[in-house]
C-alpha atoms as a PDB file:
ATOM      1  CA  MET A   1    -104.062  62.426  15.024  1.00  0.00           C
ATOM      2  CA  SER A   2    -103.763  60.187  17.990  1.00  0.00           C
ATOM      3  CA  ALA A   3    -104.678  57.216  15.829  1.00  0.00           C
ATOM      4  CA  LEU A   4    -101.996  58.168  13.250  1.00  0.00           C
ATOM      5  CA  ALA A   5     -99.322  58.561  15.866  1.00  0.00           C
ATOM      6  CA  SER A   6    -100.181  55.186  17.295  1.00  0.00           C
ATOM      7  CA  ALA A   7     -99.914  53.554  13.881  1.00  0.00           C
ATOM      8  CA  CYS A   8     -96.518  55.181  13.305  1.00  0.00           C
ATOM      9  CA  ARG A   9     -95.178  53.909  16.581  1.00  0.00           C
ATOM     10  CA  THR A  10     -96.419  50.422  15.776  1.00  0.00           C
ATOM     11  CA  SER A  11     -94.944  50.298  12.214  1.00  0.00           C
ATOM     12  CA  SER A  12     -91.538  51.913  13.050  1.00  0.00           C
ATOM     13  CA  PRO A  13     -88.687  49.416  13.676  1.00  0.00           C
ATOM     14  CA  SER A  14     -87.459  48.952  17.209  1.00  0.00           C
ATOM     15  CA  THR A  15     -84.035  50.340  17.955  1.00  0.00           C
ATOM     16  CA  ALA A  16     -81.670  48.396  20.311  1.00  0.00           C
ATOM     17  CA  SER A  17     -80.423  50.251  23.235  1.00  0.00           C
ATOM     18  CA  PRO A  18     -76.759  51.254  23.425  1.00  0.00           C
ATOM     19  CA  SER A  19     -76.211  49.073  26.492  1.00  0.00           C
ATOM     20  CA  ALA A  20     -77.535  45.934  24.759  1.00  0.00           C
ATOM     21  CA  THR A  21     -75.294  46.558  21.743  1.00  0.00           C
ATOM     22  CA  ALA A  22     -72.228  46.956  23.948  1.00  0.00           C
ATOM     23  CA  ARG A  23     -72.977  43.704  25.790  1.00  0.00           C
ATOM     24  CA  SER A  24     -73.331  41.788  22.487  1.00  0.00           C
ATOM     25  CA  THR A  25     -70.042  43.191  21.135  1.00  0.00           C
ATOM     26  CA  SER A  26     -68.244  42.432  24.386  1.00  0.00           C
ATOM     27  CA  SER A  27     -69.478  38.826  24.249  1.00  0.00           C
ATOM     28  CA  ARG A  28     -68.023  38.328  20.766  1.00  0.00           C
ATOM     29  CA  LEU A  29     -64.697  39.933  21.707  1.00  0.00           C
ATOM     30  CA  ARG A  30     -64.255  37.655  24.706  1.00  0.00           C
ATOM     31  CA  VAL A  31     -64.249  34.500  22.480  1.00  0.00           C
ATOM     32  CA  ARG A  32     -61.435  35.567  20.127  1.00  0.00           C
ATOM     33  CA  PRO A  33     -58.618  35.914  22.716  1.00  0.00           C
ATOM     34  CA  SER A  34     -59.280  32.360  23.945  1.00  0.00           C
ATOM     35  CA  ILE A  35     -58.887  30.983  20.371  1.00  0.00           C
ATOM     36  CA  ALA A  36     -55.652  32.960  19.800  1.00  0.00           C
ATOM     37  CA  VAL A  37     -54.156  31.711  23.025  1.00  0.00           C
ATOM     38  CA  THR A  38     -55.006  28.080  22.179  1.00  0.00           C
ATOM     39  CA  ALA A  39     -53.503  28.342  18.662  1.00  0.00           C
ATOM     40  CA  GLY A  40     -50.267  29.883  19.966  1.00  0.00           C
ATOM     41  CA  ALA A  41     -49.610  27.338  22.758  1.00  0.00           C
ATOM     42  CA  PRO A  42     -47.080  24.513  22.021  1.00  0.00           C
ATOM     43  CA  SER A  43     -48.438  20.959  21.903  1.00  0.00           C
ATOM     44  CA  SER A  44     -47.611  18.419  24.606  1.00  0.00           C
ATOM     45  CA  ARG A  45     -45.422  16.340  22.164  1.00  0.00           C
ATOM     46  CA  ARG A  46     -43.376  19.383  21.192  1.00  0.00           C
ATOM     47  CA  ARG A  47     -42.783  20.221  24.857  1.00  0.00           C
ATOM     48  CA  ALA A  48     -41.686  16.636  25.469  1.00  0.00           C
ATOM     49  CA  ASN A  49     -39.228  16.697  22.531  1.00  0.00           C
ATOM     50  CA  GLU A  50     -37.785  19.972  23.675  1.00  0.00           C
ATOM     51  CA  GLY A  51     -37.275  18.471  27.101  1.00  0.00           C
ATOM     52  CA  GLU A  52     -35.516  15.360  25.676  1.00  0.00           C
ATOM     53  CA  MET A  53     -33.021  17.152  23.375  1.00  0.00           C
ATOM     54  CA  PRO A  54     -30.697  18.520  26.129  1.00  0.00           C
ATOM     55  CA  GLY A  55     -30.588  15.069  27.718  1.00  0.00           C
ATOM     56  CA  LYS A  56     -29.582  13.345  24.459  1.00  0.00           C
ATOM     57  CA  PHE A  57     -26.930  15.986  23.717  1.00  0.00           C
ATOM     58  CA  GLN A  58     -25.455  15.642  27.207  1.00  0.00           C
ATOM     59  CA  GLY A  59     -25.290  11.845  26.784  1.00  0.00           C
ATOM     60  CA  LEU A  60     -23.423  12.214  23.467  1.00  0.00           C
ATOM     61  CA  VAL A  61     -20.893  14.642  24.963  1.00  0.00           C
ATOM     62  CA  LEU A  62     -20.360  12.340  27.936  1.00  0.00           C
ATOM     63  CA  GLY A  63     -19.706   9.343  25.632  1.00  0.00           C
ATOM     64  CA  VAL A  64     -17.093  11.272  23.603  1.00  0.00           C
ATOM     65  CA  ALA A  65     -15.399  12.438  26.801  1.00  0.00           C
ATOM     66  CA  CYS A  66     -15.160   8.844  28.095  1.00  0.00           C
ATOM     67  CA  SER A  67     -13.627   7.647  24.817  1.00  0.00           C
ATOM     68  CA  LEU A  68     -10.991  10.409  24.905  1.00  0.00           C
ATOM     69  CA  ALA A  69     -10.196   9.580  28.533  1.00  0.00           C
ATOM     70  CA  LYS A  70      -9.619   5.901  27.685  1.00  0.00           C
ATOM     71  CA  LEU A  71      -7.380   6.865  24.728  1.00  0.00           C
ATOM     72  CA  ALA A  72      -5.332   9.204  26.922  1.00  0.00           C
ATOM     73  CA  ALA A  73      -4.915   6.454  29.518  1.00  0.00           C
ATOM     74  CA  CYS A  74      -3.555   4.037  26.873  1.00  0.00           C
ATOM     75  CA  THR A  75      -1.197   6.392  25.052  1.00  0.00           C
ATOM     76  CA  GLY A  76      -0.418   9.099  27.590  1.00  0.00           C
ATOM     77  CA  GLU A  77      -0.675  12.805  26.943  1.00  0.00           C
ATOM     78  CA  SER A  78       2.194  12.770  24.432  1.00  0.00           C
ATOM     79  CA  GLY A  79       0.375  10.317  22.157  1.00  0.00           C
ATOM     80  CA  GLN A  80       3.093   7.665  22.631  1.00  0.00           C
ATOM     81  CA  PRO A  81       2.385   4.105  23.829  1.00  0.00           C
ATOM     82  CA  SER A  82       2.211   3.716  27.572  1.00  0.00           C
ATOM     83  CA  PRO A  83       5.077   2.092  29.511  1.00  0.00           C
ATOM     84  CA  ALA A  84       2.947  -1.009  29.952  1.00  0.00           C
ATOM     85  CA  GLU A  85       2.784  -1.461  26.191  1.00  0.00           C
ATOM     86  CA  HIS A  86       6.565  -0.998  25.906  1.00  0.00           C
ATOM     87  CA  LYS A  87       6.987  -3.652  28.555  1.00  0.00           C
ATOM     88  CA  ASP A  88       4.840  -6.081  26.613  1.00  0.00           C
ATOM     89  CA  ASP A  89       6.780  -5.380  23.417  1.00  0.00           C
ATOM     90  CA  ALA A  90      10.076  -5.969  25.173  1.00  0.00           C
ATOM     91  CA  ALA A  91       8.849  -9.288  26.482  1.00  0.00           C
ATOM     92  CA  MET A  92       8.035 -10.553  22.993  1.00  0.00           C
ATOM     93  CA  PRO A  93      10.832 -12.646  21.431  1.00  0.00           C
ATOM     94  CA  ILE A  94      12.591 -11.085  18.454  1.00  0.00           C
ATOM     95  CA  GLU A  95      12.988 -13.424  15.540  1.00  0.00           C
ATOM     96  CA  PRO A  96      16.412 -13.330  13.876  1.00  0.00           C
ATOM     97  CA  ALA A  97      16.599 -11.881  10.391  1.00  0.00           C
ATOM     98  CA  PRO A  98      16.729 -14.532   7.678  1.00  0.00           C
ATOM     99  CA  SER A  99      20.194 -15.175   6.333  1.00  0.00           C
ATOM    100  CA  THR A 100      21.039 -14.001   2.822  1.00  0.00           C
ATOM    101  CA  PRO A 101      20.572 -16.878   0.384  1.00  0.00           C
ATOM    102  CA  ALA A 102      23.425 -18.083  -1.778  1.00  0.00           C
ATOM    103  CA  PRO A 103      23.739 -16.381  -5.183  1.00  0.00           C
ATOM    104  CA  LEU A 104      22.516 -19.489  -7.012  1.00  0.00           C
ATOM    105  CA  ALA A 105      19.831 -20.542  -4.524  1.00  0.00           C
ATOM    106  CA  SER A 106      17.114 -20.211  -7.198  1.00  0.00           C
ATOM    107  CA  ILE A 107      19.082 -21.250 -10.313  1.00  0.00           C
ATOM    108  CA  ALA A 108      18.926 -24.916 -11.208  1.00  0.00           C
ATOM    109  CA  PRO A 109      22.046 -26.665 -12.625  1.00  0.00           C
ATOM    110  CA  ASP A 110      20.458 -26.853 -16.080  1.00  0.00           C
ATOM    111  CA  ASP A 111      19.804 -23.109 -16.007  1.00  0.00           C
ATOM    112  CA  ALA A 112      23.375 -22.462 -14.839  1.00  0.00           C
ATOM    113  CA  ARG A 113      24.724 -24.511 -17.731  1.00  0.00           C
ATOM    114  CA  ALA A 114      22.580 -22.589 -20.214  1.00  0.00           C
ATOM    115  CA  LEU A 115      23.761 -19.235 -18.806  1.00  0.00           C
ATOM    116  CA  VAL A 116      27.435 -20.247 -19.100  1.00  0.00           C
ATOM    117  CA  VAL A 117      27.007 -21.520 -22.666  1.00  0.00           C
ATOM    118  CA  GLU A 118      25.188 -18.351 -23.739  1.00  0.00           C
ATOM    119  CA  THR A 119      27.878 -16.165 -22.158  1.00  0.00           C
ATOM    120  CA  LEU A 120      30.727 -18.033 -23.839  1.00  0.00           C
ATOM    121  CA  GLY A 121      28.996 -17.618 -27.198  1.00  0.00           C
ATOM    122  CA  LEU A 122      28.767 -13.806 -27.009  1.00  0.00           C
ATOM    123  CA  ALA A 123      30.734 -12.054 -29.747  1.00  0.00           C
ATOM    124  CA  GLU A 124      31.520  -9.235 -27.281  1.00  0.00           C
ATOM    125  CA  LEU A 125      33.460 -11.775 -25.176  1.00  0.00           C
ATOM    126  CA  GLN A 126      34.923 -14.047 -27.846  1.00  0.00           C
ATOM    127  CA  ARG A 127      36.870 -11.256 -29.465  1.00  0.00           C
ATOM    128  CA  TYR A 128      39.029 -11.105 -26.321  1.00  0.00           C
ATOM    129  CA  LEU A 129      39.607 -14.876 -26.020  1.00  0.00           C
ATOM    130  CA  HIS A 130      42.071 -15.165 -28.948  1.00  0.00           C
ATOM    131  CA  PRO A 131      42.036 -18.938 -29.557  1.00  0.00           C
ATOM    132  CA  GLU A 132      45.050 -18.573 -31.855  1.00  0.00           C
ATOM    133  CA  ALA A 133      47.253 -17.454 -28.980  1.00  0.00           C
ATOM    134  CA  PRO A 134      49.321 -20.094 -27.134  1.00  0.00           C
ATOM    135  CA  GLY A 135      47.701 -21.543 -24.012  1.00  0.00           C
ATOM    136  CA  ARG A 136      44.206 -20.329 -24.838  1.00  0.00           C
ATOM    137  CA  ILE A 137      42.798 -23.674 -25.973  1.00  0.00           C
ATOM    138  CA  PRO A 138      41.262 -25.446 -24.198  1.00  0.00           C
ATOM    139  CA  LEU A 139      39.662 -22.577 -22.358  1.00  0.00           C
ATOM    140  CA  ARG A 140      40.179 -22.830 -18.628  1.00  0.00           C
ATOM    141  CA  LEU A 141      37.030 -21.738 -16.823  1.00  0.00           C
ATOM    142  CA  VAL A 142      36.505 -20.833 -13.180  1.00  0.00           C
ATOM    143  CA  ALA A 143      32.800 -20.848 -12.317  1.00  0.00           C
ATOM    144  CA  GLU A 144      32.658 -21.841  -8.672  1.00  0.00           C
ATOM    145  CA  ASP A 145      28.947 -20.982  -8.460  1.00  0.00           C
ATOM    146  CA  VAL A 146      28.199 -23.810 -10.908  1.00  0.00           C
ATOM    147  CA  PRO A 147      28.677 -27.529 -10.181  1.00  0.00           C
ATOM    148  CA  ALA A 148      31.429 -28.929 -12.423  1.00  0.00           C
ATOM    149  CA  GLU A 149      29.190 -31.784 -13.569  1.00  0.00           C
ATOM    150  CA  ALA A 150      26.663 -29.263 -14.898  1.00  0.00           C
ATOM    151  CA  LEU A 151      29.271 -28.074 -17.405  1.00  0.00           C
ATOM    152  CA  ALA A 152      30.378 -31.494 -18.596  1.00  0.00           C
ATOM    153  CA  GLY A 153      30.618 -31.687 -22.400  1.00  0.00           C
ATOM    154  CA  VAL A 154      30.583 -27.906 -23.025  1.00  0.00           C
ATOM    155  CA  GLU A 155      32.924 -27.044 -25.895  1.00  0.00           C
ATOM    156  CA  LEU A 156      34.406 -23.824 -27.210  1.00  0.00           C
ATOM    157  CA  PHE A 157      36.448 -23.408 -30.390  1.00  0.00           C
ATOM    158  CA  GLY A 158      36.136 -27.137 -31.055  1.00  0.00           C
ATOM    159  CA  ALA A 159      37.589 -28.295 -27.721  1.00  0.00           C
ATOM    160  CA  PRO A 160      35.959 -29.163 -24.368  1.00  0.00           C
ATOM    161  CA  ILE A 161      36.405 -26.425 -21.779  1.00  0.00           C
ATOM    162  CA  GLU A 162      38.455 -27.176 -18.669  1.00  0.00           C
ATOM    163  CA  VAL A 163      36.562 -26.425 -15.455  1.00  0.00           C
ATOM    164  CA  THR A 164      38.862 -25.642 -12.530  1.00  0.00           C
ATOM    165  CA  THR A 165      38.943 -23.883  -9.186  1.00  0.00           C
ATOM    166  CA  LEU A 166      40.281 -20.401  -8.576  1.00  0.00           C
ATOM    167  CA  ALA A 167      43.143 -21.659  -6.414  1.00  0.00           C
ATOM    168  CA  ALA A 168      44.228 -24.207  -9.009  1.00  0.00           C
ATOM    169  CA  ALA A 169      43.963 -21.666 -11.828  1.00  0.00           C
ATOM    170  CA  ARG A 170      46.156 -19.158 -10.004  1.00  0.00           C
ATOM    171  CA  ALA A 171      48.700 -21.808  -9.165  1.00  0.00           C
ATOM    172  CA  SER A 172      49.090 -22.785 -12.843  1.00  0.00           C
ATOM    173  CA  ASN A 173      50.060 -19.269 -13.933  1.00  0.00           C
ATOM    174  CA  GLY A 174      48.068 -19.774 -17.149  1.00  0.00           C
ATOM    175  CA  PRO A 175      45.171 -17.652 -18.536  1.00  0.00           C
ATOM    176  CA  PHE A 176      41.713 -18.457 -17.234  1.00  0.00           C
ATOM    177  CA  LEU A 177      38.248 -16.971 -17.539  1.00  0.00           C
ATOM    178  CA  GLU A 178      36.139 -16.251 -14.440  1.00  0.00           C
ATOM    179  CA  LEU A 179      32.338 -16.318 -14.531  1.00  0.00           C
ATOM    180  CA  SER A 180      30.080 -15.567 -11.562  1.00  0.00           C
ATOM    181  CA  LEU A 181      26.328 -16.152 -11.758  1.00  0.00           C
ATOM    182  CA  ARG A 182      23.738 -14.206  -9.777  1.00  0.00           C
ATOM    183  CA  SER A 183      20.009 -14.773  -9.553  1.00  0.00           C
ATOM    184  CA  ARG A 184      17.904 -11.652 -10.032  1.00  0.00           C
ATOM    185  CA  GLY A 185      14.492 -13.335  -9.815  1.00  0.00           C
ATOM    186  CA  PRO A 186      12.682 -16.427 -11.067  1.00  0.00           C
ATOM    187  CA  ASP A 187      13.222 -15.437 -14.702  1.00  0.00           C
ATOM    188  CA  SER A 188      16.163 -13.070 -14.489  1.00  0.00           C
ATOM    189  CA  ALA A 189      19.892 -13.552 -13.900  1.00  0.00           C
ATOM    190  CA  ALA A 190      23.232 -11.841 -14.420  1.00  0.00           C
ATOM    191  CA  VAL A 191      26.714 -13.150 -15.216  1.00  0.00           C
ATOM    192  CA  SER A 192      29.881 -11.295 -14.217  1.00  0.00           C
ATOM    193  CA  VAL A 193      32.915 -11.751 -16.471  1.00  0.00           C
ATOM    194  CA  ARG A 194      36.618 -11.328 -15.706  1.00  0.00           C
ATOM    195  CA  TYR A 195      39.526 -12.265 -17.975  1.00  0.00           C
ATOM    196  CA  ALA A 196      42.669 -11.032 -16.313  1.00  0.00           C
ATOM    197  CA  VAL A 197      45.067 -11.890 -19.146  1.00  0.00           C
ATOM    198  CA  GLU A 198      43.184  -9.461 -21.413  1.00  0.00           C
ATOM    199  CA  GLY A 199      42.359  -7.022 -18.610  1.00  0.00           C
ATOM    200  CA  ILE A 200      38.582  -7.103 -19.171  1.00  0.00           C
ATOM    201  CA  VAL A 201      35.592  -7.168 -16.845  1.00  0.00           C
ATOM    202  CA  GLY A 202      31.910  -7.022 -17.550  1.00  0.00           C
ATOM    203  CA  ASP A 203      28.337  -7.981 -16.818  1.00  0.00           C
ATOM    204  CA  VAL A 204      25.681  -9.686 -18.892  1.00  0.00           C
ATOM    205  CA  LYS A 205      22.010  -9.615 -17.947  1.00  0.00           C
ATOM    206  CA  PHE A 206      19.714 -12.472 -18.953  1.00  0.00           C
ATOM    207  CA  SER A 207      15.967 -13.030 -19.018  1.00  0.00           C
ATOM    208  CA  ARG A 208      14.203 -16.341 -19.426  1.00  0.00           C
ATOM    209  CA  THR A 209      11.380 -16.934 -21.871  1.00  0.00           C
ATOM    210  CA  GLY A 210       9.961 -20.392 -21.393  1.00  0.00           C
ATOM    211  CA  ARG A 211      13.092 -22.574 -21.064  1.00  0.00           C
ATOM    212  CA  THR A 212      15.406 -20.320 -23.057  1.00  0.00           C
ATOM    213  CA  TRP A 213      17.762 -17.756 -21.488  1.00  0.00           C
ATOM    214  CA  LEU A 214      18.208 -14.711 -23.689  1.00  0.00           C
ATOM    215  CA  PRO A 215      21.035 -12.199 -23.202  1.00  0.00           C
ATOM    216  CA  GLY A 216      20.043  -8.612 -22.654  1.00  0.00           C
ATOM    217  CA  PRO A 217      22.379  -5.671 -22.130  1.00  0.00           C
ATOM    218  CA  VAL A 218      26.050  -6.682 -22.447  1.00  0.00           C
ATOM    219  CA  SER A 219      28.736  -4.553 -20.821  1.00  0.00           C
ATOM    220  CA  ILE A 220      32.273  -5.902 -21.347  1.00  0.00           C
ATOM    221  CA  ARG A 221      35.106  -3.397 -21.175  1.00  0.00           C
ATOM    222  CA  GLU A 222      38.841  -3.158 -20.700  1.00  0.00           C
ATOM    223  CA  GLN A 223      40.129  -1.977 -17.353  1.00  0.00           C
END
Protein backbone atom coordinates (compact mmCIF):
# COMPACT_ATOMS: atom_id res chain seq x y z
CA MET A 1 0.00 0.00 0.00
CA SER A 2 2.81 2.32 0.76
CA ALA A 3 4.33 1.59 -2.63
CA LEU A 4 0.99 2.34 -4.37
CA ALA A 5 0.53 5.60 -2.55
CA SER A 6 4.02 6.65 -3.50
CA ALA A 7 3.37 5.88 -7.16
CA CYS A 8 0.14 7.90 -7.06
CA ARG A 9 1.87 10.91 -5.61
CA THR A 10 4.57 10.68 -8.26
CA SER A 11 2.16 10.35 -11.25
CA SER A 12 -0.40 13.01 -10.10
CA PRO A 13 0.10 16.48 -11.65
CA SER A 14 1.46 19.24 -9.47
CA THR A 15 -0.99 21.95 -8.53
CA ALA A 16 0.22 25.62 -8.36
CA SER A 17 -0.33 27.35 -5.15
CA PRO A 18 -2.91 30.14 -4.92
CA SER A 19 -0.22 32.69 -4.09
CA ALA A 20 1.84 31.86 -7.20
CA THR A 21 -1.25 32.16 -9.41
CA ALA A 22 -2.12 35.56 -7.96
CA ARG A 23 1.43 36.85 -8.54
CA SER A 24 1.36 35.71 -12.20
CA THR A 25 -2.03 37.37 -12.82
CA SER A 26 -0.91 40.57 -11.12
CA SER A 27 2.19 40.69 -13.34
CA ARG A 28 0.08 40.50 -16.51
CA LEU A 29 -2.37 43.14 -15.27
CA ARG A 30 0.41 45.61 -14.53
CA VAL A 31 1.52 45.67 -18.23
CA ARG A 32 -1.86 46.60 -19.75
CA PRO A 33 -2.37 49.98 -18.00
CA SER A 34 1.04 51.16 -19.24
CA ILE A 35 0.07 50.35 -22.88
CA ALA A 36 -3.32 52.11 -22.53
CA VAL A 37 -1.71 55.22 -21.12
CA THR A 38 0.86 55.34 -23.95
CA ALA A 39 -1.82 54.93 -26.67
CA GLY A 40 -4.00 57.68 -25.19
CA ALA A 41 -1.25 60.33 -24.81
CA PRO A 42 -1.01 63.03 -27.55
CA SER A 43 2.13 63.04 -29.70
CA SER A 44 4.74 65.78 -29.41
CA ARG A 45 3.83 67.20 -32.91
CA ARG A 46 0.16 67.45 -32.01
CA ARG A 47 1.02 69.30 -28.80
CA ALA A 48 3.21 71.68 -30.80
CA ASN A 49 0.43 72.38 -33.34
CA GLU A 50 -2.07 73.00 -30.61
CA GLY A 51 0.34 75.46 -29.06
CA GLU A 52 0.87 77.32 -32.39
CA MET A 53 -2.82 77.76 -33.35
CA PRO A 54 -3.69 80.46 -30.75
CA GLY A 55 -0.60 82.42 -31.78
CA LYS A 56 -1.51 82.36 -35.49
CA PHE A 57 -5.12 83.35 -34.76
CA GLN A 58 -4.00 86.25 -32.57
CA GLY A 59 -1.66 87.46 -35.34
CA LEU A 60 -4.51 87.40 -37.89
CA VAL A 61 -6.84 89.36 -35.59
CA LEU A 62 -4.10 91.91 -34.90
CA GLY A 63 -3.48 92.41 -38.65
CA VAL A 64 -7.20 93.03 -39.34
CA ALA A 65 -7.38 95.48 -36.44
CA CYS A 66 -4.40 97.45 -37.80
CA SER A 67 -5.97 97.66 -41.27
CA LEU A 68 -9.26 98.96 -39.83
CA ALA A 69 -7.37 101.52 -37.75
CA LYS A 70 -5.54 102.85 -40.82
CA LEU A 71 -8.83 103.06 -42.78
CA ALA A 72 -10.50 104.96 -39.93
CA ALA A 73 -7.57 107.39 -39.80
CA CYS A 74 -7.89 108.13 -43.54
CA THR A 75 -11.67 108.49 -43.77
CA GLY A 76 -12.75 109.37 -40.24
CA GLU A 77 -15.49 107.63 -38.32
CA SER A 78 -18.21 108.90 -40.67
CA GLY A 79 -16.62 107.19 -43.68
CA GLN A 80 -16.02 110.54 -45.43
CA PRO A 81 -12.60 111.68 -46.69
CA SER A 82 -10.44 113.34 -44.09
CA PRO A 83 -9.92 117.13 -44.10
CA ALA A 84 -6.42 116.59 -45.43
CA GLU A 85 -7.82 114.92 -48.53
CA HIS A 86 -10.31 117.77 -49.02
CA LYS A 87 -7.43 120.20 -48.78
CA ASP A 88 -5.52 118.35 -51.47
CA ASP A 89 -8.58 118.30 -53.73
CA ALA A 90 -9.11 122.01 -53.27
CA ALA A 91 -5.52 122.69 -54.22
CA MET A 92 -5.88 120.87 -57.54
CA PRO A 93 -6.68 123.19 -60.48
CA ILE A 94 -10.14 122.79 -61.99
CA GLU A 95 -10.12 122.60 -65.74
CA PRO A 96 -12.83 124.66 -67.46
CA ALA A 97 -15.61 122.77 -69.19
CA PRO A 98 -15.14 122.54 -72.95
CA SER A 99 -17.20 125.03 -74.89
CA THR A 100 -20.16 123.76 -76.92
CA PRO A 101 -19.08 123.24 -80.53
CA ALA A 102 -20.82 125.04 -83.36
CA PRO A 103 -23.80 123.21 -84.88
CA LEU A 104 -21.87 122.41 -88.07
CA ALA A 105 -18.50 121.65 -86.46
CA SER A 106 -18.55 118.09 -87.85
CA ILE A 107 -20.38 118.67 -91.16
CA ALA A 108 -18.19 119.36 -94.16
CA PRO A 109 -19.33 121.89 -96.81
CA ASP A 110 -20.00 119.09 -99.30
CA ASP A 111 -22.21 117.33 -96.75
CA ALA A 112 -24.02 120.60 -96.00
CA ARG A 113 -24.71 121.11 -99.69
CA ALA A 114 -26.08 117.58 -100.01
CA LEU A 115 -28.37 118.07 -96.99
CA VAL A 116 -29.78 121.32 -98.41
CA VAL A 117 -30.38 119.79 -101.85
CA GLU A 118 -32.12 116.75 -100.36
CA THR A 119 -34.32 118.96 -98.17
CA LEU A 120 -35.36 121.19 -101.07
CA GLY A 121 -36.33 118.11 -103.07
CA LEU A 122 -38.76 116.73 -100.46
CA ALA A 123 -42.35 116.56 -101.70
CA GLU A 124 -43.54 117.37 -98.16
CA LEU A 125 -41.81 120.77 -98.49
CA GLN A 126 -42.31 121.55 -102.17
CA ARG A 127 -46.07 121.50 -101.90
CA TYR A 128 -45.82 124.66 -99.76
CA LEU A 129 -43.37 126.53 -102.03
CA HIS A 130 -45.90 127.35 -104.80
CA PRO A 131 -43.56 128.31 -107.66
CA GLU A 132 -46.54 129.66 -109.62
CA ALA A 133 -47.12 132.40 -107.07
CA PRO A 134 -45.52 135.82 -107.67
CA GLY A 135 -42.14 136.36 -106.00
CA ARG A 136 -41.50 132.69 -105.32
CA ILE A 137 -38.97 132.13 -108.10
CA PRO A 138 -36.06 132.24 -107.66
CA LEU A 139 -36.31 130.78 -104.20
CA ARG A 140 -34.62 132.97 -101.63
CA LEU A 141 -32.82 130.80 -99.09
CA VAL A 142 -31.42 131.69 -95.69
CA ALA A 143 -29.00 129.01 -94.49
CA GLU A 144 -26.49 130.86 -92.35
CA ASP A 145 -24.98 127.59 -91.08
CA VAL A 146 -23.80 126.82 -94.62
CA PRO A 147 -21.13 128.78 -96.52
CA ALA A 148 -22.71 130.52 -99.52
CA GLU A 149 -20.08 129.10 -101.88
CA ALA A 150 -21.10 125.57 -100.89
CA LEU A 151 -24.53 126.21 -102.41
CA ALA A 152 -23.33 127.74 -105.66
CA GLY A 153 -25.15 126.30 -108.69
CA VAL A 154 -28.05 124.73 -106.74
CA GLU A 155 -31.29 125.09 -108.71
CA LEU A 156 -34.95 124.66 -107.86
CA PHE A 157 -37.86 124.79 -110.31
CA GLY A 158 -35.42 125.48 -113.14
CA ALA A 159 -33.80 128.56 -111.59
CA PRO A 160 -30.72 129.00 -109.37
CA ILE A 161 -31.61 129.62 -105.73
CA GLU A 162 -30.70 132.97 -104.18
CA VAL A 163 -28.66 132.59 -100.99
CA THR A 164 -29.04 135.54 -98.63
CA THR A 165 -28.70 136.52 -94.99
CA LEU A 166 -31.54 136.75 -92.51
CA ALA A 167 -31.17 140.51 -92.11
CA ALA A 168 -31.23 141.09 -95.86
CA ALA A 169 -34.20 138.76 -96.33
CA ARG A 170 -36.24 140.57 -93.68
CA ALA A 171 -35.37 143.93 -95.12
CA SER A 172 -36.67 142.94 -98.58
CA ASN A 173 -40.15 142.08 -97.30
CA GLY A 174 -40.27 139.15 -99.75
CA PRO A 175 -40.85 135.42 -99.00
CA PHE A 176 -37.81 133.41 -98.01
CA LEU A 177 -37.12 129.90 -96.77
CA GLU A 178 -35.00 129.30 -93.65
CA LEU A 179 -32.95 126.13 -93.19
CA SER A 180 -30.83 125.34 -90.13
CA LEU A 181 -28.51 122.33 -90.09
CA ARG A 182 -27.51 120.42 -86.96
CA SER A 183 -25.01 117.62 -86.59
CA ARG A 184 -26.27 114.62 -84.64
CA GLY A 185 -23.16 112.45 -85.04
CA PRO A 186 -20.64 111.41 -87.68
CA ASP A 187 -23.37 109.90 -89.87
CA SER A 188 -26.49 111.65 -88.64
CA ALA A 189 -27.87 115.17 -89.07
CA ALA A 190 -31.11 117.13 -88.87
CA VAL A 191 -32.45 120.10 -90.84
CA SER A 192 -34.96 122.56 -89.37
CA VAL A 193 -37.36 124.22 -91.82
CA ARG A 194 -39.28 127.49 -91.54
CA TYR A 195 -41.28 129.20 -94.29
CA ALA A 196 -43.03 132.14 -92.72
CA VAL A 197 -45.08 133.14 -95.76
CA GLU A 198 -46.84 129.75 -95.64
CA GLY A 199 -46.74 129.51 -91.84
CA ILE A 200 -44.93 126.16 -91.74
CA VAL A 201 -42.16 124.74 -89.58
CA GLY A 202 -40.62 121.32 -89.46
CA ASP A 203 -37.68 119.01 -88.99
CA VAL A 204 -36.06 116.44 -91.24
CA LYS A 205 -33.68 113.80 -89.93
CA PHE A 206 -30.95 112.39 -92.17
CA SER A 207 -28.58 109.44 -92.00
CA ARG A 208 -25.53 108.90 -94.16
CA THR A 209 -24.78 105.66 -95.96
CA GLY A 210 -21.39 105.85 -97.60
CA ARG A 211 -21.40 109.32 -99.21
CA THR A 212 -25.16 109.60 -99.63
CA TRP A 213 -27.46 111.40 -97.16
CA LEU A 214 -30.86 109.77 -96.94
CA PRO A 215 -33.89 111.49 -95.39
CA GLY A 216 -35.58 109.72 -92.54
CA PRO A 217 -38.62 110.91 -90.62
CA VAL A 218 -40.05 114.15 -92.06
CA SER A 219 -42.19 116.40 -89.87
CA ILE A 220 -43.41 119.55 -91.67
CA ARG A 221 -46.59 121.14 -90.36
CA GLU A 222 -48.53 124.37 -90.42
CA GLN A 223 -48.44 126.55 -87.33
